Amino acid sequence: MSEFVWLLKLPPPVEVRQSWPKTVVALPVGTHITGRVIGRQRFGFFVQIEGHADAVGLAEVGGNMPHHMELPQLGAEVGGWVIDHAGHNHQVKIRLDEWTAGPTGCQVSF
């Protein structure tokens, strides 16, 4: 099996699109989220956000993930912060909690 795969249980794209306005209101920038990794790709990974069945989160590796860290495995529980909304593809951009910690464990602002 490839390292870059999707779990089979994804929210239907039509439901993600239809619920997008509600998702943006419910998950504004700065909101802390938890969820489960549902897909891994070379550019990052996708998260099914807890409490928001039709919301898909994306944590991109470019510029957000420290170089010494690895992508979480499929099915892993993760926590992070909403940093943006990508309306063109209906994704909630997130940064993991551990990606925001500085070398001494202090929080880095975003």
N, C-alpha and C. Protein backbone atom coordinates (compact mmCIF):
# COMPACT_ATOMS: atom_id res chain seq x y z
N MET A 1 0.85 -1.18 0.00
CA MET A 1 0.00 0.00 0.00
C MET A 1 0.89 1.24 0.00
N SER A 2 0.52 2.22 -0.77
CA SER A 2 1.25 3.48 -0.85
C SER A 2 1.15 4.24 0.47
N GLU A 3 2.19 4.99 0.77
CA GLU A 3 2.18 5.85 1.95
C GLU A 3 1.17 6.98 1.80
N PHE A 4 0.86 7.35 0.57
CA PHE A 4 -0.03 8.47 0.28
C PHE A 4 -1.39 7.94 -0.17
N VAL A 5 -2.28 7.76 0.79
CA VAL A 5 -3.57 7.12 0.54
C VAL A 5 -4.68 7.87 1.27
N TRP A 6 -5.91 7.46 0.99
CA TRP A 6 -7.11 7.98 1.63
C TRP A 6 -7.83 6.85 2.35
N LEU A 7 -8.43 7.16 3.48
CA LEU A 7 -9.37 6.22 4.07
C LEU A 7 -10.62 6.26 3.22
N LEU A 8 -11.39 5.19 3.23
CA LEU A 8 -12.56 5.13 2.37
C LEU A 8 -13.71 6.00 2.86
N LYS A 9 -13.77 6.32 4.13
CA LYS A 9 -14.91 7.05 4.68
C LYS A 9 -14.67 8.56 4.60
N LEU A 10 -15.02 9.15 3.48
CA LEU A 10 -14.89 10.59 3.27
C LEU A 10 -16.28 11.22 3.20
N PRO A 11 -16.40 12.47 3.64
CA PRO A 11 -17.70 13.11 3.44
C PRO A 11 -17.94 13.32 1.95
N PRO A 12 -19.16 13.12 1.48
CA PRO A 12 -19.46 13.33 0.05
C PRO A 12 -19.17 14.77 -0.36
N PRO A 13 -18.49 14.98 -1.50
CA PRO A 13 -18.13 16.33 -1.95
C PRO A 13 -19.32 17.28 -2.02
N VAL A 14 -20.48 16.81 -2.44
CA VAL A 14 -21.65 17.69 -2.54
C VAL A 14 -22.04 18.21 -1.16
N GLU A 15 -21.93 17.37 -0.14
CA GLU A 15 -22.27 17.79 1.22
C GLU A 15 -21.23 18.77 1.77
N VAL A 16 -19.96 18.55 1.42
CA VAL A 16 -18.91 19.47 1.85
C VAL A 16 -19.17 20.86 1.25
N ARG A 17 -19.51 20.90 -0.04
CA ARG A 17 -19.81 22.18 -0.71
C ARG A 17 -21.03 22.86 -0.10
N GLN A 18 -22.10 22.11 0.08
CA GLN A 18 -23.34 22.69 0.60
C GLN A 18 -23.18 23.22 2.02
N SER A 19 -22.35 22.58 2.82
CA SER A 19 -22.20 23.00 4.21
C SER A 19 -21.07 24.01 4.41
N TRP A 20 -20.37 24.38 3.32
CA TRP A 20 -19.22 25.28 3.44
C TRP A 20 -19.53 26.59 4.18
N PRO A 21 -20.61 27.31 3.85
CA PRO A 21 -20.87 28.56 4.59
C PRO A 21 -21.01 28.33 6.10
N LYS A 22 -21.68 27.26 6.50
CA LYS A 22 -21.83 26.94 7.92
C LYS A 22 -20.49 26.55 8.54
N THR A 23 -19.66 25.86 7.77
CA THR A 23 -18.35 25.45 8.26
C THR A 23 -17.49 26.67 8.59
N VAL A 24 -17.46 27.64 7.69
CA VAL A 24 -16.65 28.84 7.88
C VAL A 24 -17.10 29.60 9.14
N VAL A 25 -18.41 29.69 9.35
CA VAL A 25 -18.93 30.38 10.53
C VAL A 25 -18.60 29.59 11.80
N ALA A 26 -18.74 28.28 11.76
CA ALA A 26 -18.53 27.44 12.94
C ALA A 26 -17.05 27.29 13.31
N LEU A 27 -16.16 27.45 12.31
CA LEU A 27 -14.73 27.23 12.54
C LEU A 27 -13.91 28.44 12.08
N PRO A 28 -14.07 29.58 12.76
CA PRO A 28 -13.31 30.76 12.34
C PRO A 28 -11.81 30.58 12.61
N VAL A 29 -11.01 31.40 11.96
CA VAL A 29 -9.57 31.39 12.19
C VAL A 29 -9.31 31.57 13.68
N GLY A 30 -8.40 30.75 14.21
CA GLY A 30 -8.08 30.79 15.63
C GLY A 30 -8.79 29.74 16.45
N THR A 31 -9.74 29.00 15.85
CA THR A 31 -10.46 27.96 16.55
C THR A 31 -9.57 26.73 16.72
N HIS A 32 -9.59 26.14 17.90
CA HIS A 32 -8.87 24.89 18.12
C HIS A 32 -9.76 23.73 17.69
N ILE A 33 -9.21 22.80 16.92
CA ILE A 33 -9.98 21.64 16.45
C ILE A 33 -9.26 20.36 16.85
N THR A 34 -10.02 19.28 16.87
CA THR A 34 -9.47 17.94 16.97
C THR A 34 -10.09 17.13 15.85
N GLY A 35 -9.44 16.07 15.47
CA GLY A 35 -9.96 15.23 14.41
C GLY A 35 -9.09 14.03 14.14
N ARG A 36 -9.42 13.34 13.04
CA ARG A 36 -8.74 12.10 12.68
C ARG A 36 -8.19 12.23 11.27
N VAL A 37 -6.96 11.77 11.07
CA VAL A 37 -6.32 11.84 9.76
C VAL A 37 -7.02 10.87 8.81
N ILE A 38 -7.53 11.41 7.69
CA ILE A 38 -8.27 10.58 6.72
C ILE A 38 -7.55 10.46 5.39
N GLY A 39 -6.48 11.20 5.20
CA GLY A 39 -5.73 11.11 3.94
C GLY A 39 -4.35 11.70 4.09
N ARG A 40 -3.40 11.07 3.39
CA ARG A 40 -2.02 11.55 3.38
C ARG A 40 -1.59 11.73 1.94
N GLN A 41 -1.00 12.87 1.66
CA GLN A 41 -0.46 13.16 0.34
C GLN A 41 0.92 13.79 0.53
N ARG A 42 1.66 13.92 -0.56
CA ARG A 42 3.01 14.50 -0.46
C ARG A 42 3.00 15.92 0.10
N PHE A 43 1.93 16.66 -0.15
CA PHE A 43 1.85 18.06 0.25
C PHE A 43 1.28 18.27 1.64
N GLY A 44 0.77 17.23 2.28
CA GLY A 44 0.18 17.35 3.61
C GLY A 44 -0.80 16.23 3.89
N PHE A 45 -1.69 16.48 4.83
CA PHE A 45 -2.68 15.45 5.16
C PHE A 45 -4.02 16.09 5.47
N PHE A 46 -5.06 15.27 5.31
CA PHE A 46 -6.44 15.72 5.48
C PHE A 46 -7.01 15.17 6.79
N VAL A 47 -7.86 15.99 7.41
CA VAL A 47 -8.42 15.66 8.71
C VAL A 47 -9.94 15.76 8.67
N GLN A 48 -10.61 14.75 9.19
CA GLN A 48 -12.06 14.81 9.43
C GLN A 48 -12.21 15.51 10.78
N ILE A 49 -12.78 16.70 10.78
CA ILE A 49 -12.84 17.53 11.99
C ILE A 49 -13.97 17.06 12.89
N GLU A 50 -13.63 16.79 14.13
CA GLU A 50 -14.60 16.29 15.11
C GLU A 50 -15.73 17.30 15.31
N GLY A 51 -16.96 16.79 15.28
CA GLY A 51 -18.13 17.64 15.49
C GLY A 51 -18.60 18.36 14.24
N HIS A 52 -17.90 18.16 13.12
CA HIS A 52 -18.24 18.82 11.86
C HIS A 52 -18.09 17.78 10.74
N ALA A 53 -19.07 16.91 10.61
CA ALA A 53 -18.98 15.75 9.72
C ALA A 53 -18.69 16.11 8.27
N ASP A 54 -19.12 17.29 7.83
CA ASP A 54 -18.92 17.66 6.43
C ASP A 54 -17.76 18.62 6.22
N ALA A 55 -16.93 18.82 7.25
CA ALA A 55 -15.78 19.72 7.14
C ALA A 55 -14.51 18.89 6.95
N VAL A 56 -13.68 19.31 6.01
CA VAL A 56 -12.40 18.65 5.76
C VAL A 56 -11.29 19.65 6.05
N GLY A 57 -10.38 19.24 6.94
CA GLY A 57 -9.23 20.06 7.26
C GLY A 57 -8.02 19.62 6.46
N LEU A 58 -7.14 20.56 6.14
CA LEU A 58 -5.89 20.26 5.44
C LEU A 58 -4.74 20.90 6.19
N ALA A 59 -3.76 20.09 6.55
CA ALA A 59 -2.52 20.58 7.15
C ALA A 59 -1.43 20.38 6.10
N GLU A 60 -0.95 21.49 5.56
CA GLU A 60 0.05 21.44 4.50
C GLU A 60 1.45 21.42 5.10
N VAL A 61 2.36 20.69 4.46
CA VAL A 61 3.72 20.61 4.97
C VAL A 61 4.54 21.84 4.60
N GLY A 62 4.29 22.47 3.47
CA GLY A 62 5.07 23.61 3.02
C GLY A 62 4.92 24.81 3.92
N GLY A 63 5.96 25.16 4.66
CA GLY A 63 5.94 26.34 5.49
C GLY A 63 5.26 26.18 6.83
N ASN A 64 4.47 25.15 7.04
CA ASN A 64 3.77 24.96 8.32
C ASN A 64 4.39 23.87 9.19
N MET A 65 4.87 22.80 8.58
CA MET A 65 5.40 21.67 9.34
C MET A 65 6.90 21.83 9.54
N PRO A 66 7.37 21.82 10.79
CA PRO A 66 8.81 21.88 11.02
C PRO A 66 9.53 20.71 10.34
N HIS A 67 10.73 20.95 9.88
CA HIS A 67 11.48 19.96 9.10
C HIS A 67 11.75 18.66 9.85
N HIS A 68 11.84 18.69 11.17
CA HIS A 68 12.17 17.49 11.94
C HIS A 68 10.96 16.60 12.22
N MET A 69 9.77 17.01 11.81
CA MET A 69 8.56 16.25 12.11
C MET A 69 8.13 15.42 10.91
N GLU A 70 7.30 14.41 11.17
CA GLU A 70 6.76 13.54 10.13
C GLU A 70 5.24 13.66 10.10
N LEU A 71 4.65 13.29 8.96
CA LEU A 71 3.19 13.29 8.85
C LEU A 71 2.61 12.24 9.79
N PRO A 72 1.49 12.55 10.46
CA PRO A 72 0.84 11.53 11.28
C PRO A 72 0.27 10.41 10.39
N GLN A 73 0.12 9.26 10.97
CA GLN A 73 -0.40 8.09 10.25
C GLN A 73 -1.91 8.21 10.03
N LEU A 74 -2.41 7.47 9.04
CA LEU A 74 -3.85 7.41 8.81
C LEU A 74 -4.55 6.93 10.08
N GLY A 75 -5.65 7.58 10.39
CA GLY A 75 -6.43 7.22 11.57
C GLY A 75 -5.95 7.87 12.85
N ALA A 76 -4.80 8.54 12.83
CA ALA A 76 -4.28 9.19 14.04
C ALA A 76 -5.18 10.34 14.47
N GLU A 77 -5.33 10.50 15.77
CA GLU A 77 -6.06 11.63 16.33
C GLU A 77 -5.10 12.81 16.42
N VAL A 78 -5.53 13.97 15.95
CA VAL A 78 -4.69 15.16 15.96
C VAL A 78 -5.47 16.35 16.49
N GLY A 79 -4.75 17.36 16.92
CA GLY A 79 -5.34 18.61 17.35
C GLY A 79 -4.58 19.74 16.69
N GLY A 80 -5.27 20.84 16.46
CA GLY A 80 -4.61 21.96 15.83
C GLY A 80 -5.49 23.20 15.81
N TRP A 81 -5.02 24.19 15.05
CA TRP A 81 -5.67 25.49 14.99
C TRP A 81 -6.07 25.82 13.57
N VAL A 82 -7.24 26.40 13.40
CA VAL A 82 -7.67 26.87 12.09
C VAL A 82 -6.84 28.12 11.76
N ILE A 83 -6.15 28.08 10.61
CA ILE A 83 -5.33 29.22 10.21
C ILE A 83 -5.85 29.92 8.96
N ASP A 84 -6.79 29.27 8.25
CA ASP A 84 -7.33 29.87 7.02
C ASP A 84 -8.48 29.03 6.50
N HIS A 85 -9.19 29.55 5.51
CA HIS A 85 -10.25 28.83 4.81
C HIS A 85 -9.97 28.90 3.32
N ALA A 86 -9.98 27.77 2.65
CA ALA A 86 -9.76 27.73 1.20
C ALA A 86 -11.11 27.49 0.53
N GLY A 87 -11.79 28.58 0.19
CA GLY A 87 -13.12 28.49 -0.38
C GLY A 87 -13.18 27.81 -1.72
N HIS A 88 -12.12 27.92 -2.51
CA HIS A 88 -12.13 27.33 -3.85
C HIS A 88 -12.20 25.80 -3.81
N ASN A 89 -11.69 25.19 -2.73
CA ASN A 89 -11.80 23.73 -2.63
C ASN A 89 -12.42 23.29 -1.29
N HIS A 90 -13.03 24.23 -0.59
CA HIS A 90 -13.81 23.95 0.62
C HIS A 90 -13.01 23.20 1.68
N GLN A 91 -11.82 23.70 1.98
CA GLN A 91 -10.96 23.09 2.98
C GLN A 91 -10.64 24.08 4.09
N VAL A 92 -10.63 23.56 5.30
CA VAL A 92 -10.24 24.33 6.46
C VAL A 92 -8.74 24.09 6.65
N LYS A 93 -7.94 25.14 6.50
CA LYS A 93 -6.49 24.99 6.66
C LYS A 93 -6.17 24.96 8.15
N ILE A 94 -5.35 23.98 8.55
CA ILE A 94 -5.02 23.84 9.97
C ILE A 94 -3.51 23.73 10.16
N ARG A 95 -3.09 24.06 11.37
CA ARG A 95 -1.71 23.86 11.80
C ARG A 95 -1.79 23.05 13.09
N LEU A 96 -1.07 21.95 13.13
CA LEU A 96 -1.10 21.09 14.30
C LEU A 96 -0.55 21.79 15.54
N ASP A 97 -1.02 21.38 16.70
CA ASP A 97 -0.53 21.92 17.96
C ASP A 97 0.99 21.81 18.04
N GLU A 98 1.53 20.64 17.72
CA GLU A 98 2.98 20.44 17.86
C GLU A 98 3.78 21.23 16.83
N TRP A 99 3.12 21.73 15.78
CA TRP A 99 3.82 22.55 14.79
C TRP A 99 3.97 23.99 15.27
N THR A 100 3.19 24.39 16.27
CA THR A 100 3.24 25.76 16.74
C THR A 100 4.15 25.94 17.94
N ALA A 101 4.68 24.85 18.49
CA ALA A 101 5.56 24.94 19.65
C ALA A 101 6.97 25.29 19.21
N GLY A 102 7.56 26.25 19.86
CA GLY A 102 8.94 26.63 19.58
C GLY A 102 9.90 25.64 20.19
N PRO A 103 11.21 25.86 20.04
CA PRO A 103 12.21 24.92 20.56
C PRO A 103 12.13 24.72 22.06
N THR A 104 11.63 25.69 22.81
CA THR A 104 11.53 25.55 24.25
C THR A 104 10.12 25.16 24.68
N GLY A 105 9.25 24.87 23.72
CA GLY A 105 7.89 24.46 24.04
C GLY A 105 6.91 25.61 24.12
N CYS A 106 7.38 26.85 23.94
CA CYS A 106 6.47 27.99 23.99
C CYS A 106 5.68 28.09 22.69
N GLN A 107 4.52 28.67 22.77
CA GLN A 107 3.67 28.80 21.59
C GLN A 107 4.19 29.89 20.66
N VAL A 108 4.17 29.59 19.38
CA VAL A 108 4.55 30.55 18.35
C VAL A 108 3.27 31.10 17.77
N SER A 109 3.18 32.41 17.60
CA SER A 109 1.94 32.99 17.06
C SER A 109 1.82 32.71 15.58
N PHE A 110 0.60 32.70 15.09
CA PHE A 110 0.33 32.52 13.66
C PHE A 110 -0.69 33.48 13.29
